Amino acid sequence: MSQRELTDRASVRMHYGTPSEMSLAKELHRLDKHCRAFIALSPFVVLASADAQGRCDASPRGDAPGFVAVLNEQTLAIPDRTGNKRVDTMLNLTENPRIGALFLVPGVNETLRVNGRVRISLDPALLASMAVNGKLPSAATLIDVEEVYFQCAKAIIRSDLWNPEKRVPRGTFPSLGRVLADQIKGAEAEQLEQTIEERYRTSLY
């Protein structure tokens, strides 16, 4: 083994040491009142999945706070809204029905991590309960919770993520239309920007 690389579980554990008793004891196998309250406040979650070959994807989901439904202490339902039809997460989950979810709440430095097994539901009653502006989600991702715990605030504190003074001025980075025009041969930035803005206005749901 290279002295400059960690290549197996043993080398990782040797390098980082043993986790504290608290970091292990905090792991739950159900959604208690604090987990439920945090999810109800969260407008944003990142879903991590992988296909049968282990190729990974991390995909954001966002909506009004409480958009993720807690069906019971073992089950979450996440609406899958209209998108670009790549459906990377959904395709992964049909091959490897395991998922990791990271919930964030603006202004709160701690995050919530949920890991579990997934079912993709098309149940009409469930989808109807998640409708916005009369529009149903395409599907619902049901997470059968196996592990859930709060992550300490160090990453958010280090990044100073919620500090409004650290917001990057919009002009610092080019628009998505400009980026895609540079990346896709034959694409025109102005047309792409108009198309993207129209989609943001008319097809969020």
C-alpha atoms as a PDB file:
ATOM      1  CA  MET A   1       0.000   0.000   0.000  1.00  0.00           C
ATOM      2  CA  SER A   2       1.248   3.465  -0.858  1.00  0.00           C
ATOM      3  CA  GLN A   3       2.035   5.524   2.219  1.00  0.00           C
ATOM      4  CA  ARG A   4       0.254   8.436   0.542  1.00  0.00           C
ATOM      5  CA  GLU A   5      -3.045   6.668  -0.174  1.00  0.00           C
ATOM      6  CA  LEU A   6      -5.756   5.006   1.847  1.00  0.00           C
ATOM      7  CA  THR A   7      -6.863   1.908  -0.017  1.00  0.00           C
ATOM      8  CA  ASP A   8      -9.006  -0.169   2.347  1.00  0.00           C
ATOM      9  CA  ARG A   9     -11.121   0.052   5.474  1.00  0.00           C
ATOM     10  CA  ALA A  10      -8.252  -0.876   7.747  1.00  0.00           C
ATOM     11  CA  SER A  11      -5.987   1.871   6.420  1.00  0.00           C
ATOM     12  CA  VAL A  12      -8.771   4.439   6.709  1.00  0.00           C
ATOM     13  CA  ARG A  13      -9.493   3.459  10.297  1.00  0.00           C
ATOM     14  CA  MET A  14      -5.813   3.472  11.203  1.00  0.00           C
ATOM     15  CA  HIS A  15      -5.370   6.950   9.716  1.00  0.00           C
ATOM     16  CA  TYR A  16      -8.464   8.547  11.264  1.00  0.00           C
ATOM     17  CA  GLY A  17      -8.690   6.646  14.520  1.00  0.00           C
ATOM     18  CA  THR A  18     -11.776   5.479  16.397  1.00  0.00           C
ATOM     19  CA  PRO A  19     -15.038   7.483  16.336  1.00  0.00           C
ATOM     20  CA  SER A  20     -16.274   8.904  19.607  1.00  0.00           C
ATOM     21  CA  GLU A  21     -18.944   7.097  21.561  1.00  0.00           C
ATOM     22  CA  MET A  22     -21.295  10.023  20.972  1.00  0.00           C
ATOM     23  CA  SER A  23     -20.867   9.925  17.184  1.00  0.00           C
ATOM     24  CA  LEU A  24     -21.952   6.279  17.192  1.00  0.00           C
ATOM     25  CA  ALA A  25     -24.686   6.571  19.804  1.00  0.00           C
ATOM     26  CA  LYS A  26     -26.482   9.371  17.929  1.00  0.00           C
ATOM     27  CA  GLU A  27     -27.389   7.067  15.028  1.00  0.00           C
ATOM     28  CA  LEU A  28     -31.082   6.185  15.067  1.00  0.00           C
ATOM     29  CA  HIS A  29     -33.126   3.736  13.006  1.00  0.00           C
ATOM     30  CA  ARG A  30     -36.339   5.742  13.003  1.00  0.00           C
ATOM     31  CA  LEU A  31     -37.437   9.354  12.672  1.00  0.00           C
ATOM     32  CA  ASP A  32     -37.907  10.812  16.135  1.00  0.00           C
ATOM     33  CA  LYS A  33     -39.590  14.159  16.879  1.00  0.00           C
ATOM     34  CA  HIS A  34     -36.403  16.138  16.206  1.00  0.00           C
ATOM     35  CA  CYS A  35     -35.818  14.483  12.832  1.00  0.00           C
ATOM     36  CA  ARG A  36     -39.443  15.093  11.860  1.00  0.00           C
ATOM     37  CA  ALA A  37     -39.263  18.744  12.891  1.00  0.00           C
ATOM     38  CA  PHE A  38     -36.054  19.293  10.931  1.00  0.00           C
ATOM     39  CA  ILE A  39     -37.487  17.704   7.785  1.00  0.00           C
ATOM     40  CA  ALA A  40     -40.611  19.857   8.118  1.00  0.00           C
ATOM     41  CA  LEU A  41     -38.393  22.975   8.103  1.00  0.00           C
ATOM     42  CA  SER A  42     -36.200  21.846   5.215  1.00  0.00           C
ATOM     43  CA  PRO A  43     -36.721  23.239   1.694  1.00  0.00           C
ATOM     44  CA  PHE A  44     -33.714  21.400   0.250  1.00  0.00           C
ATOM     45  CA  VAL A  45     -32.328  17.868   0.209  1.00  0.00           C
ATOM     46  CA  VAL A  46     -29.535  16.227  -1.776  1.00  0.00           C
ATOM     47  CA  LEU A  47     -30.104  12.611  -2.832  1.00  0.00           C
ATOM     48  CA  ALA A  48     -27.103  10.356  -3.366  1.00  0.00           C
ATOM     49  CA  SER A  49     -27.508   7.161  -5.377  1.00  0.00           C
ATOM     50  CA  ALA A  50     -25.454   4.727  -7.436  1.00  0.00           C
ATOM     51  CA  ASP A  51     -26.197   2.297 -10.245  1.00  0.00           C
ATOM     52  CA  ALA A  52     -25.388  -1.401 -10.300  1.00  0.00           C
ATOM     53  CA  GLN A  53     -21.789  -0.670 -11.345  1.00  0.00           C
ATOM     54  CA  GLY A  54     -21.311   1.791  -8.480  1.00  0.00           C
ATOM     55  CA  ARG A  55     -21.377   4.923 -10.664  1.00  0.00           C
ATOM     56  CA  CYS A  56     -22.625   7.683  -8.394  1.00  0.00           C
ATOM     57  CA  ASP A  57     -24.962  10.641  -8.668  1.00  0.00           C
ATOM     58  CA  ALA A  58     -25.910  13.408  -6.236  1.00  0.00           C
ATOM     59  CA  SER A  59     -29.100  15.222  -7.160  1.00  0.00           C
ATOM     60  CA  PRO A  60     -30.775  18.221  -5.487  1.00  0.00           C
ATOM     61  CA  ARG A  61     -34.460  18.374  -4.595  1.00  0.00           C
ATOM     62  CA  GLY A  62     -36.058  21.594  -3.458  1.00  0.00           C
ATOM     63  CA  ASP A  63     -39.500  23.028  -2.749  1.00  0.00           C
ATOM     64  CA  ALA A  64     -41.397  24.813  -0.010  1.00  0.00           C
ATOM     65  CA  PRO A  65     -40.420  23.730   3.528  1.00  0.00           C
ATOM     66  CA  GLY A  66     -42.161  20.495   4.404  1.00  0.00           C
ATOM     67  CA  PHE A  67     -42.295  19.234   0.828  1.00  0.00           C
ATOM     68  CA  VAL A  68     -40.807  15.929   1.996  1.00  0.00           C
ATOM     69  CA  ALA A  69     -43.602  14.015   3.703  1.00  0.00           C
ATOM     70  CA  VAL A  70     -42.962  11.958   6.817  1.00  0.00           C
ATOM     71  CA  LEU A  71     -45.441   9.102   6.365  1.00  0.00           C
ATOM     72  CA  ASN A  72     -44.429   7.409   9.613  1.00  0.00           C
ATOM     73  CA  GLU A  73     -41.340   7.025  11.776  1.00  0.00           C
ATOM     74  CA  GLN A  74     -39.763   4.687   9.218  1.00  0.00           C
ATOM     75  CA  THR A  75     -40.830   6.192   5.874  1.00  0.00           C
ATOM     76  CA  LEU A  76     -40.245   9.405   3.925  1.00  0.00           C
ATOM     77  CA  ALA A  77     -41.872  10.403   0.632  1.00  0.00           C
ATOM     78  CA  ILE A  78     -40.076  12.830  -1.671  1.00  0.00           C
ATOM     79  CA  PRO A  79     -41.964  14.202  -4.694  1.00  0.00           C
ATOM     80  CA  ASP A  80     -40.146  13.996  -8.011  1.00  0.00           C
ATOM     81  CA  ARG A  81     -41.076  17.116  -9.951  1.00  0.00           C
ATOM     82  CA  THR A  82     -40.755  17.711 -13.654  1.00  0.00           C
ATOM     83  CA  GLY A  83     -37.171  18.009 -14.867  1.00  0.00           C
ATOM     84  CA  ASN A  84     -34.906  17.442 -17.837  1.00  0.00           C
ATOM     85  CA  LYS A  85     -35.873  13.745 -18.134  1.00  0.00           C
ATOM     86  CA  ARG A  86     -32.346  12.501 -17.475  1.00  0.00           C
ATOM     87  CA  VAL A  87     -33.816  10.836 -14.355  1.00  0.00           C
ATOM     88  CA  ASP A  88     -30.350   9.743 -13.233  1.00  0.00           C
ATOM     89  CA  THR A  89     -31.535   9.104  -9.682  1.00  0.00           C
ATOM     90  CA  MET A  90     -34.571   7.085 -10.731  1.00  0.00           C
ATOM     91  CA  LEU A  91     -32.560   4.944 -13.117  1.00  0.00           C
ATOM     92  CA  ASN A  92     -29.963   4.302 -10.433  1.00  0.00           C
ATOM     93  CA  LEU A  93     -32.609   3.297  -7.915  1.00  0.00           C
ATOM     94  CA  THR A  94     -34.111   0.677 -10.227  1.00  0.00           C
ATOM     95  CA  GLU A  95     -30.700  -1.043 -10.254  1.00  0.00           C
ATOM     96  CA  ASN A  96     -29.546  -0.279  -6.714  1.00  0.00           C
ATOM     97  CA  PRO A  97     -32.421   0.637  -4.372  1.00  0.00           C
ATOM     98  CA  ARG A  98     -30.317   2.333  -1.722  1.00  0.00           C
ATOM     99  CA  ILE A  99     -30.050   6.049  -1.098  1.00  0.00           C
ATOM    100  CA  GLY A 100     -28.448   8.694   1.079  1.00  0.00           C
ATOM    101  CA  ALA A 101     -30.244  11.974   1.772  1.00  0.00           C
ATOM    102  CA  LEU A 102     -28.808  15.165   3.245  1.00  0.00           C
ATOM    103  CA  PHE A 103     -31.342  17.719   4.523  1.00  0.00           C
ATOM    104  CA  LEU A 104     -30.467  21.388   4.975  1.00  0.00           C
ATOM    105  CA  VAL A 105     -32.372  24.188   6.707  1.00  0.00           C
ATOM    106  CA  PRO A 106     -31.312  27.763   5.874  1.00  0.00           C
ATOM    107  CA  GLY A 107     -29.857  29.428   8.942  1.00  0.00           C
ATOM    108  CA  VAL A 108     -29.329  26.161  10.832  1.00  0.00           C
ATOM    109  CA  ASN A 109     -25.745  24.930  10.846  1.00  0.00           C
ATOM    110  CA  GLU A 110     -26.506  21.274  11.551  1.00  0.00           C
ATOM    111  CA  THR A 111     -27.701  18.965   8.790  1.00  0.00           C
ATOM    112  CA  LEU A 112     -29.669  15.708   8.849  1.00  0.00           C
ATOM    113  CA  ARG A 113     -28.485  12.535   7.163  1.00  0.00           C
ATOM    114  CA  VAL A 114     -30.889   9.747   6.224  1.00  0.00           C
ATOM    115  CA  ASN A 115     -29.878   6.438   4.654  1.00  0.00           C
ATOM    116  CA  GLY A 116     -32.159   3.648   3.576  1.00  0.00           C
ATOM    117  CA  ARG A 117     -33.828   1.546   0.930  1.00  0.00           C
ATOM    118  CA  VAL A 118     -36.059   3.019  -1.748  1.00  0.00           C
ATOM    119  CA  ARG A 119     -39.281   2.307  -3.567  1.00  0.00           C
ATOM    120  CA  ILE A 120     -40.522   4.455  -6.457  1.00  0.00           C
ATOM    121  CA  SER A 121     -44.244   5.010  -6.053  1.00  0.00           C
ATOM    122  CA  LEU A 122     -46.898   6.019  -8.587  1.00  0.00           C
ATOM    123  CA  ASP A 123     -49.730   5.701  -6.048  1.00  0.00           C
ATOM    124  CA  PRO A 124     -52.433   8.169  -7.164  1.00  0.00           C
ATOM    125  CA  ALA A 125     -53.481   9.162  -3.639  1.00  0.00           C
ATOM    126  CA  LEU A 126     -49.899   9.808  -2.541  1.00  0.00           C
ATOM    127  CA  LEU A 127     -49.084  11.854  -5.642  1.00  0.00           C
ATOM    128  CA  ALA A 128     -52.302  13.848  -5.237  1.00  0.00           C
ATOM    129  CA  SER A 129     -51.297  14.735  -1.668  1.00  0.00           C
ATOM    130  CA  MET A 130     -48.079  16.254  -3.054  1.00  0.00           C
ATOM    131  CA  ALA A 131     -49.661  18.331  -5.819  1.00  0.00           C
ATOM    132  CA  VAL A 132     -48.652  21.975  -6.185  1.00  0.00           C
ATOM    133  CA  ASN A 133     -50.739  24.416  -8.213  1.00  0.00           C
ATOM    134  CA  GLY A 134     -52.862  21.457  -9.260  1.00  0.00           C
ATOM    135  CA  LYS A 135     -49.885  19.632 -10.767  1.00  0.00           C
ATOM    136  CA  LEU A 136     -48.900  16.201  -9.507  1.00  0.00           C
ATOM    137  CA  PRO A 137     -45.277  15.046  -9.206  1.00  0.00           C
ATOM    138  CA  SER A 138     -44.159  12.460 -11.733  1.00  0.00           C
ATOM    139  CA  ALA A 139     -43.457   9.964  -8.954  1.00  0.00           C
ATOM    140  CA  ALA A 140     -42.614   9.779  -5.276  1.00  0.00           C
ATOM    141  CA  THR A 141     -39.387   8.401  -3.868  1.00  0.00           C
ATOM    142  CA  LEU A 142     -40.201   6.411  -0.731  1.00  0.00           C
ATOM    143  CA  ILE A 143     -37.285   5.977   1.651  1.00  0.00           C
ATOM    144  CA  ASP A 144     -37.525   3.157   4.166  1.00  0.00           C
ATOM    145  CA  VAL A 145     -35.266   4.587   6.847  1.00  0.00           C
ATOM    146  CA  GLU A 146     -32.387   2.441   8.078  1.00  0.00           C
ATOM    147  CA  GLU A 147     -30.039   5.064   9.536  1.00  0.00           C
ATOM    148  CA  VAL A 148     -30.683   8.667  10.524  1.00  0.00           C
ATOM    149  CA  TYR A 149     -28.555  11.116  12.473  1.00  0.00           C
ATOM    150  CA  PHE A 150     -27.698  14.783  12.771  1.00  0.00           C
ATOM    151  CA  GLN A 151     -24.390  15.947  11.354  1.00  0.00           C
ATOM    152  CA  CYS A 152     -22.453  18.481  13.410  1.00  0.00           C
ATOM    153  CA  ALA A 153     -22.095  22.056  12.162  1.00  0.00           C
ATOM    154  CA  LYS A 154     -18.391  22.114  11.300  1.00  0.00           C
ATOM    155  CA  ALA A 155     -18.799  22.024   7.494  1.00  0.00           C
ATOM    156  CA  ILE A 156     -21.405  24.800   7.479  1.00  0.00           C
ATOM    157  CA  ILE A 157     -19.377  26.900   9.925  1.00  0.00           C
ATOM    158  CA  ARG A 158     -16.201  26.490   7.895  1.00  0.00           C
ATOM    159  CA  SER A 159     -17.981  27.375   4.662  1.00  0.00           C
ATOM    160  CA  ASP A 160     -19.936  30.238   6.294  1.00  0.00           C
ATOM    161  CA  LEU A 161     -22.734  29.079   4.030  1.00  0.00           C
ATOM    162  CA  TRP A 162     -25.609  31.092   5.478  1.00  0.00           C
ATOM    163  CA  ASN A 163     -23.748  34.406   5.787  1.00  0.00           C
ATOM    164  CA  PRO A 164     -25.547  36.855   3.446  1.00  0.00           C
ATOM    165  CA  GLU A 165     -22.359  38.894   3.144  1.00  0.00           C
ATOM    166  CA  LYS A 166     -20.682  35.906   1.486  1.00  0.00           C
ATOM    167  CA  ARG A 167     -23.206  35.601  -1.332  1.00  0.00           C
ATOM    168  CA  VAL A 168     -21.482  35.615  -4.699  1.00  0.00           C
ATOM    169  CA  PRO A 169     -22.672  38.463  -6.972  1.00  0.00           C
ATOM    170  CA  ARG A 170     -24.594  36.940  -9.887  1.00  0.00           C
ATOM    171  CA  GLY A 171     -22.284  38.475 -12.451  1.00  0.00           C
ATOM    172  CA  THR A 172     -19.284  36.675 -10.966  1.00  0.00           C
ATOM    173  CA  PHE A 173     -20.210  33.469 -12.775  1.00  0.00           C
ATOM    174  CA  PRO A 174     -21.741  33.227 -16.266  1.00  0.00           C
ATOM    175  CA  SER A 175     -25.369  32.269 -16.808  1.00  0.00           C
ATOM    176  CA  LEU A 176     -26.284  28.650 -17.508  1.00  0.00           C
ATOM    177  CA  GLY A 177     -27.120  29.637 -21.079  1.00  0.00           C
ATOM    178  CA  ARG A 178     -23.624  31.042 -21.576  1.00  0.00           C
ATOM    179  CA  VAL A 179     -22.022  27.966 -20.010  1.00  0.00           C
ATOM    180  CA  LEU A 180     -24.008  25.571 -22.204  1.00  0.00           C
ATOM    181  CA  ALA A 181     -23.258  27.600 -25.307  1.00  0.00           C
ATOM    182  CA  ASP A 182     -19.552  27.192 -24.584  1.00  0.00           C
ATOM    183  CA  GLN A 183     -19.942  23.475 -23.903  1.00  0.00           C
ATOM    184  CA  ILE A 184     -22.315  22.440 -26.679  1.00  0.00           C
ATOM    185  CA  LYS A 185     -21.225  22.872 -30.283  1.00  0.00           C
ATOM    186  CA  GLY A 186     -23.593  25.044 -32.304  1.00  0.00           C
ATOM    187  CA  ALA A 187     -25.605  26.304 -29.320  1.00  0.00           C
ATOM    188  CA  GLU A 188     -26.355  30.028 -29.020  1.00  0.00           C
ATOM    189  CA  ALA A 189     -26.195  31.617 -25.584  1.00  0.00           C
ATOM    190  CA  GLU A 190     -29.026  34.109 -26.081  1.00  0.00           C
ATOM    191  CA  GLN A 191     -31.479  31.486 -27.303  1.00  0.00           C
ATOM    192  CA  LEU A 192     -30.516  29.091 -24.542  1.00  0.00           C
ATOM    193  CA  GLU A 193     -30.954  31.769 -21.897  1.00  0.00           C
ATOM    194  CA  GLN A 194     -34.435  32.596 -23.194  1.00  0.00           C
ATOM    195  CA  THR A 195     -35.400  28.911 -23.195  1.00  0.00           C
ATOM    196  CA  ILE A 196     -34.078  28.358 -19.678  1.00  0.00           C
ATOM    197  CA  GLU A 197     -35.852  31.427 -18.283  1.00  0.00           C
ATOM    198  CA  GLU A 198     -39.106  30.338 -19.929  1.00  0.00           C
ATOM    199  CA  ARG A 199     -38.832  26.900 -18.354  1.00  0.00           C
ATOM    200  CA  TYR A 200     -38.155  28.427 -14.950  1.00  0.00           C
ATOM    201  CA  ARG A 201     -41.300  30.531 -15.340  1.00  0.00           C
ATOM    202  CA  THR A 202     -43.661  27.911 -16.696  1.00  0.00           C
ATOM    203  CA  SER A 203     -42.526  24.412 -15.740  1.00  0.00           C
ATOM    204  CA  LEU A 204     -41.286  24.383 -12.148  1.00  0.00           C
ATOM    205  CA  TYR A 205     -44.096  21.935 -11.445  1.00  0.00           C
END
